[in-house]
Structures are given as C-alpha cells and as structure tokens.
Amino acid sequence: HLFVNLVLLVKVFLQVFLNLQRPQIFSLNILQLEQHYLDLMRILYVQIIIHLCFTKMFINCFYS
C-alpha cells in the first residue's frame, strides 16, 4: 500500500518535471503546483504514520 503511494508520488514528480520542461505549461500557476505538492506530502505523511501505528499494534498483539 505504501509502495503504491511512493510510485504515485514519483509519477507526480515526473509529470511536474516534464511540465517544467515546457515553457508554456511552466506559466501554469507555480503556486497551485506547490499547494498540490504540499497536499500530497501531507497525505503521504499521515498515511506513513497510520501505517507505522498499525504495524506497531500488530507486532504488539502478535508477540504479546
């Protein structure tokens, strides 16, 4: 699940990078792009924390 998120993130990075190569799309709101990136990072961060918590809980239940 986490791996899928990382792949999606890489895909977004690639899209952004490719867009930056084309000047006409570069004028597309950089601020908007930044906001999108921040949202993605926030989502990813939350999901990683949730993932870690569940893993910890699972290990605690499993080994106790």
PDB file of N, CA and C in Angstrom:
ATOM      1  N   HIS A   1       0.842  -1.206   0.000  1.00  0.00           N
ATOM      2  CA  HIS A   1       0.000   0.000   0.000  1.00  0.00           C
ATOM      3  C   HIS A   1       0.873   1.252   0.000  1.00  0.00           C
ATOM      4  N   LEU A   2       1.856   1.212   0.870  1.00  0.00           N
ATOM      5  CA  LEU A   2       2.786   2.331   0.964  1.00  0.00           C
ATOM      6  C   LEU A   2       3.603   2.448  -0.322  1.00  0.00           C
ATOM      7  N   PHE A   3       3.950   1.296  -0.864  1.00  0.00           N
ATOM      8  CA  PHE A   3       4.719   1.258  -2.103  1.00  0.00           C
ATOM      9  C   PHE A   3       3.953   1.923  -3.251  1.00  0.00           C
ATOM     10  N   VAL A   4       2.666   1.657  -3.305  1.00  0.00           N
ATOM     11  CA  VAL A   4       1.814   2.258  -4.340  1.00  0.00           C
ATOM     12  C   VAL A   4       1.837   3.775  -4.221  1.00  0.00           C
ATOM     13  N   ASN A   5       1.764   4.260  -2.988  1.00  0.00           N
ATOM     14  CA  ASN A   5       1.817   5.705  -2.762  1.00  0.00           C
ATOM     15  C   ASN A   5       3.123   6.308  -3.257  1.00  0.00           C
ATOM     16  N   LEU A   6       4.215   5.616  -2.995  1.00  0.00           N
ATOM     17  CA  LEU A   6       5.521   6.102  -3.429  1.00  0.00           C
ATOM     18  C   LEU A   6       5.598   6.155  -4.953  1.00  0.00           C
ATOM     19  N   VAL A   7       5.051   5.121  -5.590  1.00  0.00           N
ATOM     20  CA  VAL A   7       5.043   5.093  -7.061  1.00  0.00           C
ATOM     21  C   VAL A   7       4.239   6.264  -7.600  1.00  0.00           C
ATOM     22  N   LEU A   8       3.078   6.519  -6.991  1.00  0.00           N
ATOM     23  CA  LEU A   8       2.237   7.645  -7.410  1.00  0.00           C
ATOM     24  C   LEU A   8       2.977   8.965  -7.242  1.00  0.00           C
ATOM     25  N   LEU A   9       3.676   9.094  -6.128  1.00  0.00           N
ATOM     26  CA  LEU A   9       4.435  10.308  -5.856  1.00  0.00           C
ATOM     27  C   LEU A   9       5.518  10.523  -6.918  1.00  0.00           C
ATOM     28  N   VAL A  10       6.212   9.437  -7.256  1.00  0.00           N
ATOM     29  CA  VAL A  10       7.250   9.517  -8.284  1.00  0.00           C
ATOM     30  C   VAL A  10       6.629   9.932  -9.618  1.00  0.00           C
ATOM     31  N   LYS A  11       5.461   9.365  -9.927  1.00  0.00           N
ATOM     32  CA  LYS A  11       4.774   9.716 -11.173  1.00  0.00           C
ATOM     33  C   LYS A  11       4.425  11.199 -11.211  1.00  0.00           C
ATOM     34  N   VAL A  12       3.963  11.712 -10.076  1.00  0.00           N
ATOM     35  CA  VAL A  12       3.630  13.136  -9.989  1.00  0.00           C
ATOM     36  C   VAL A  12       4.887  13.985 -10.183  1.00  0.00           C
ATOM     37  N   PHE A  13       5.978  13.572  -9.536  1.00  0.00           N
ATOM     38  CA  PHE A  13       7.246  14.285  -9.692  1.00  0.00           C
ATOM     39  C   PHE A  13       7.664  14.327 -11.158  1.00  0.00           C
ATOM     40  N   LEU A  14       7.537  13.193 -11.834  1.00  0.00           N
ATOM     41  CA  LEU A  14       7.904  13.119 -13.241  1.00  0.00           C
ATOM     42  C   LEU A  14       7.029  14.045 -14.081  1.00  0.00           C
ATOM     43  N   GLN A  15       5.732  14.036 -13.801  1.00  0.00           N
ATOM     44  CA  GLN A  15       4.812  14.901 -14.536  1.00  0.00           C
ATOM     45  C   GLN A  15       5.179  16.367 -14.343  1.00  0.00           C
ATOM     46  N   VAL A  16       5.450  16.716 -13.094  1.00  0.00           N
ATOM     47  CA  VAL A  16       5.838  18.094 -12.777  1.00  0.00           C
ATOM     48  C   VAL A  16       7.121  18.460 -13.512  1.00  0.00           C
ATOM     49  N   PHE A  17       8.073  17.559 -13.449  1.00  0.00           N
ATOM     50  CA  PHE A  17       9.362  17.787 -14.109  1.00  0.00           C
ATOM     51  C   PHE A  17       9.191  17.979 -15.610  1.00  0.00           C
ATOM     52  N   LEU A  18       8.387  17.120 -16.224  1.00  0.00           N
ATOM     53  CA  LEU A  18       8.127  17.213 -17.654  1.00  0.00           C
ATOM     54  C   LEU A  18       7.409  18.517 -17.999  1.00  0.00           C
ATOM     55  N   ASN A  19       6.498  18.917 -17.141  1.00  0.00           N
ATOM     56  CA  ASN A  19       5.788  20.172 -17.350  1.00  0.00           C
ATOM     57  C   ASN A  19       6.735  21.359 -17.284  1.00  0.00           C
ATOM     58  N   LEU A  20       7.719  21.274 -16.402  1.00  0.00           N
ATOM     59  CA  LEU A  20       8.677  22.363 -16.249  1.00  0.00           C
ATOM     60  C   LEU A  20       9.593  22.470 -17.474  1.00  0.00           C
ATOM     61  N   GLN A  21       9.679  21.398 -18.230  1.00  0.00           N
ATOM     62  CA  GLN A  21      10.498  21.421 -19.445  1.00  0.00           C
ATOM     63  C   GLN A  21       9.821  22.217 -20.564  1.00  0.00           C
ATOM     64  N   ARG A  22       8.488  22.346 -20.449  1.00  0.00           N
ATOM     65  CA  ARG A  22       7.739  23.064 -21.484  1.00  0.00           C
ATOM     66  C   ARG A  22       7.328  24.445 -20.982  1.00  0.00           C
ATOM     67  N   PRO A  23       7.907  25.484 -21.527  1.00  0.00           N
ATOM     68  CA  PRO A  23       7.695  26.860 -21.053  1.00  0.00           C
ATOM     69  C   PRO A  23       6.222  27.283 -20.994  1.00  0.00           C
ATOM     70  N   GLN A  24       5.423  26.901 -21.979  1.00  0.00           N
ATOM     71  CA  GLN A  24       4.035  27.365 -21.990  1.00  0.00           C
ATOM     72  C   GLN A  24       3.241  26.796 -20.811  1.00  0.00           C
ATOM     73  N   ILE A  25       3.628  25.597 -20.356  1.00  0.00           N
ATOM     74  CA  ILE A  25       2.939  24.993 -19.220  1.00  0.00           C
ATOM     75  C   ILE A  25       3.572  25.491 -17.920  1.00  0.00           C
ATOM     76  N   PHE A  26       4.792  25.967 -18.055  1.00  0.00           N
ATOM     77  CA  PHE A  26       5.502  26.488 -16.882  1.00  0.00           C
ATOM     78  C   PHE A  26       4.743  27.678 -16.292  1.00  0.00           C
ATOM     79  N   SER A  27       4.086  28.439 -17.138  1.00  0.00           N
ATOM     80  CA  SER A  27       3.334  29.604 -16.688  1.00  0.00           C
ATOM     81  C   SER A  27       2.045  29.210 -15.959  1.00  0.00           C
ATOM     82  N   LEU A  28       1.716  27.925 -16.065  1.00  0.00           N
ATOM     83  CA  LEU A  28       0.636  27.377 -15.244  1.00  0.00           C
ATOM     84  C   LEU A  28       1.016  27.621 -13.795  1.00  0.00           C
ATOM     85  N   ASN A  29       0.102  28.124 -13.053  1.00  0.00           N
ATOM     86  CA  ASN A  29       0.337  28.546 -11.675  1.00  0.00           C
ATOM     87  C   ASN A  29       1.323  27.712 -10.852  1.00  0.00           C
ATOM     88  N   ILE A  30       2.503  28.275 -10.592  1.00  0.00           N
ATOM     89  CA  ILE A  30       3.501  27.586  -9.768  1.00  0.00           C
ATOM     90  C   ILE A  30       2.984  27.436  -8.336  1.00  0.00           C
ATOM     91  N   LEU A  31       2.276  28.452  -7.887  1.00  0.00           N
ATOM     92  CA  LEU A  31       1.712  28.433  -6.540  1.00  0.00           C
ATOM     93  C   LEU A  31       0.757  27.259  -6.379  1.00  0.00           C
ATOM     94  N   GLN A  32      -0.066  27.061  -7.382  1.00  0.00           N
ATOM     95  CA  GLN A  32      -1.034  25.970  -7.375  1.00  0.00           C
ATOM     96  C   GLN A  32      -0.307  24.629  -7.316  1.00  0.00           C
ATOM     97  N   LEU A  33       0.763  24.542  -8.076  1.00  0.00           N
ATOM     98  CA  LEU A  33       1.578  23.334  -8.124  1.00  0.00           C
ATOM     99  C   LEU A  33       2.161  23.046  -6.736  1.00  0.00           C
ATOM    100  N   GLU A  34       2.652  24.107  -6.122  1.00  0.00           N
ATOM    101  CA  GLU A  34       3.240  23.993  -4.792  1.00  0.00           C
ATOM    102  C   GLU A  34       2.201  23.507  -3.786  1.00  0.00           C
ATOM    103  N   GLN A  35       1.008  24.053  -3.883  1.00  0.00           N
ATOM    104  CA  GLN A  35      -0.077  23.669  -2.990  1.00  0.00           C
ATOM    105  C   GLN A  35      -0.402  22.192  -3.159  1.00  0.00           C
ATOM    106  N   HIS A  36      -0.444  21.769  -4.404  1.00  0.00           N
ATOM    107  CA  HIS A  36      -0.726  20.376  -4.733  1.00  0.00           C
ATOM    108  C   HIS A  36       0.339  19.463  -4.115  1.00  0.00           C
ATOM    109  N   TYR A  37       1.579  19.884  -4.239  1.00  0.00           N
ATOM    110  CA  TYR A  37       2.702  19.126  -3.694  1.00  0.00           C
ATOM    111  C   TYR A  37       2.601  19.021  -2.168  1.00  0.00           C
ATOM    112  N   LEU A  38       2.273  20.143  -1.531  1.00  0.00           N
ATOM    113  CA  LEU A  38       2.134  20.162  -0.072  1.00  0.00           C
ATOM    114  C   LEU A  38       1.005  19.244   0.378  1.00  0.00           C
ATOM    115  N   ASP A  39      -0.090  19.264  -0.353  1.00  0.00           N
ATOM    116  CA  ASP A  39      -1.212  18.373  -0.033  1.00  0.00           C
ATOM    117  C   ASP A  39      -0.780  16.923  -0.133  1.00  0.00           C
ATOM    118  N   LEU A  40      -0.063  16.607  -1.186  1.00  0.00           N
ATOM    119  CA  LEU A  40       0.434  15.241  -1.378  1.00  0.00           C
ATOM    120  C   LEU A  40       1.337  14.812  -0.234  1.00  0.00           C
ATOM    121  N   MET A  41       2.238  15.693   0.142  1.00  0.00           N
ATOM    122  CA  MET A  41       3.176  15.381   1.215  1.00  0.00           C
ATOM    123  C   MET A  41       2.435  15.155   2.535  1.00  0.00           C
ATOM    124  N   ARG A  42       1.420  15.989   2.769  1.00  0.00           N
ATOM    125  CA  ARG A  42       0.634  15.865   3.997  1.00  0.00           C
ATOM    126  C   ARG A  42      -0.072  14.512   4.034  1.00  0.00           C
ATOM    127  N   ILE A  43      -0.685  14.153   2.921  1.00  0.00           N
ATOM    128  CA  ILE A  43      -1.391  12.872   2.818  1.00  0.00           C
ATOM    129  C   ILE A  43      -0.422  11.714   3.038  1.00  0.00           C
ATOM    130  N   LEU A  44       0.723  11.786   2.374  1.00  0.00           N
ATOM    131  CA  LEU A  44       1.723  10.726   2.480  1.00  0.00           C
ATOM    132  C   LEU A  44       2.216  10.598   3.919  1.00  0.00           C
ATOM    133  N   TYR A  45       2.482  11.735   4.541  1.00  0.00           N
ATOM    134  CA  TYR A  45       2.961  11.774   5.918  1.00  0.00           C
ATOM    135  C   TYR A  45       1.955  11.109   6.856  1.00  0.00           C
ATOM    136  N   VAL A  46       0.696  11.470   6.725  1.00  0.00           N
ATOM    137  CA  VAL A  46      -0.363  10.894   7.556  1.00  0.00           C
ATOM    138  C   VAL A  46      -0.464   9.390   7.337  1.00  0.00           C
ATOM    139  N   GLN A  47      -0.395   8.978   6.079  1.00  0.00           N
ATOM    140  CA  GLN A  47      -0.502   7.554   5.773  1.00  0.00           C
ATOM    141  C   GLN A  47       0.674   6.757   6.322  1.00  0.00           C
ATOM    142  N   ILE A  48       1.853   7.336   6.281  1.00  0.00           N
ATOM    143  CA  ILE A  48       3.029   6.663   6.837  1.00  0.00           C
ATOM    144  C   ILE A  48       2.856   6.487   8.351  1.00  0.00           C
ATOM    145  N   ILE A  49       2.388   7.533   9.017  1.00  0.00           N
ATOM    146  CA  ILE A  49       2.179   7.456  10.468  1.00  0.00           C
ATOM    147  C   ILE A  49       1.142   6.392  10.802  1.00  0.00           C
ATOM    148  N   ILE A  50       0.036   6.394  10.060  1.00  0.00           N
ATOM    149  CA  ILE A  50      -1.016   5.396  10.272  1.00  0.00           C
ATOM    150  C   ILE A  50      -0.448   3.996  10.061  1.00  0.00           C
ATOM    151  N   HIS A  51       0.301   3.850   8.989  1.00  0.00           N
ATOM    152  CA  HIS A  51       0.921   2.569   8.657  1.00  0.00           C
ATOM    153  C   HIS A  51       1.828   2.090   9.797  1.00  0.00           C
ATOM    154  N   LEU A  52       2.652   2.986  10.310  1.00  0.00           N
ATOM    155  CA  LEU A  52       3.565   2.654  11.404  1.00  0.00           C
ATOM    156  C   LEU A  52       2.808   2.275  12.672  1.00  0.00           C
ATOM    157  N   CYS A  53       1.756   3.024  12.961  1.00  0.00           N
ATOM    158  CA  CYS A  53       0.950   2.728  14.157  1.00  0.00           C
ATOM    159  C   CYS A  53       0.321   1.348  14.064  1.00  0.00           C
ATOM    160  N   PHE A  54      -0.248   1.055  12.901  1.00  0.00           N
ATOM    161  CA  PHE A  54      -0.871  -0.254  12.718  1.00  0.00           C
ATOM    162  C   PHE A  54       0.149  -1.380  12.801  1.00  0.00           C
ATOM    163  N   THR A  55       1.302  -1.156  12.213  1.00  0.00           N
ATOM    164  CA  THR A  55       2.367  -2.160  12.259  1.00  0.00           C
ATOM    165  C   THR A  55       2.790  -2.410  13.701  1.00  0.00           C
ATOM    166  N   LYS A  56       2.947  -1.335  14.448  1.00  0.00           N
ATOM    167  CA  LYS A  56       3.340  -1.433  15.855  1.00  0.00           C
ATOM    168  C   LYS A  56       2.276  -2.191  16.654  1.00  0.00           C
ATOM    169  N   MET A  57       1.028  -1.838  16.435  1.00  0.00           N
ATOM    170  CA  MET A  57      -0.077  -2.512  17.128  1.00  0.00           C
ATOM    171  C   MET A  57      -0.099  -3.995  16.783  1.00  0.00           C
ATOM    172  N   PHE A  58       0.058  -4.273  15.519  1.00  0.00           N
ATOM    173  CA  PHE A  58       0.036  -5.657  15.050  1.00  0.00           C
ATOM    174  C   PHE A  58       1.161  -6.461  15.701  1.00  0.00           C
ATOM    175  N   ILE A  59       2.355  -5.898  15.717  1.00  0.00           N
ATOM    176  CA  ILE A  59       3.512  -6.571  16.322  1.00  0.00           C
ATOM    177  C   ILE A  59       3.277  -6.786  17.817  1.00  0.00           C
ATOM    178  N   ASN A  60       2.750  -5.783  18.478  1.00  0.00           N
ATOM    179  CA  ASN A  60       2.471  -5.894  19.918  1.00  0.00           C
ATOM    180  C   ASN A  60       1.460  -7.001  20.201  1.00  0.00           C
ATOM    181  N   CYS A  61       0.415  -7.052  19.392  1.00  0.00           N
ATOM    182  CA  CYS A  61      -0.613  -8.088  19.569  1.00  0.00           C
ATOM    183  C   CYS A  61      -0.038  -9.468  19.261  1.00  0.00           C
ATOM    184  N   PHE A  62       0.728  -9.512  18.217  1.00  0.00           N
ATOM    185  CA  PHE A  62       1.254 -10.778  17.735  1.00  0.00           C
ATOM    186  C   PHE A  62       2.251 -11.405  18.699  1.00  0.00           C
ATOM    187  N   TYR A  63       3.096 -10.571  19.290  1.00  0.00           N
ATOM    188  CA  TYR A  63       4.167 -11.099  20.135  1.00  0.00           C
ATOM    189  C   TYR A  63       3.865 -11.086  21.630  1.00  0.00           C
ATOM    190  N   SER A  64       2.739 -10.528  22.010  1.00  0.00           N
ATOM    191  CA  SER A  64       2.441 -10.466  23.445  1.00  0.00           C
ATOM    192  C   SER A  64       1.728 -11.729  23.927  1.00  0.00           C
TER     193      SER A  64
END
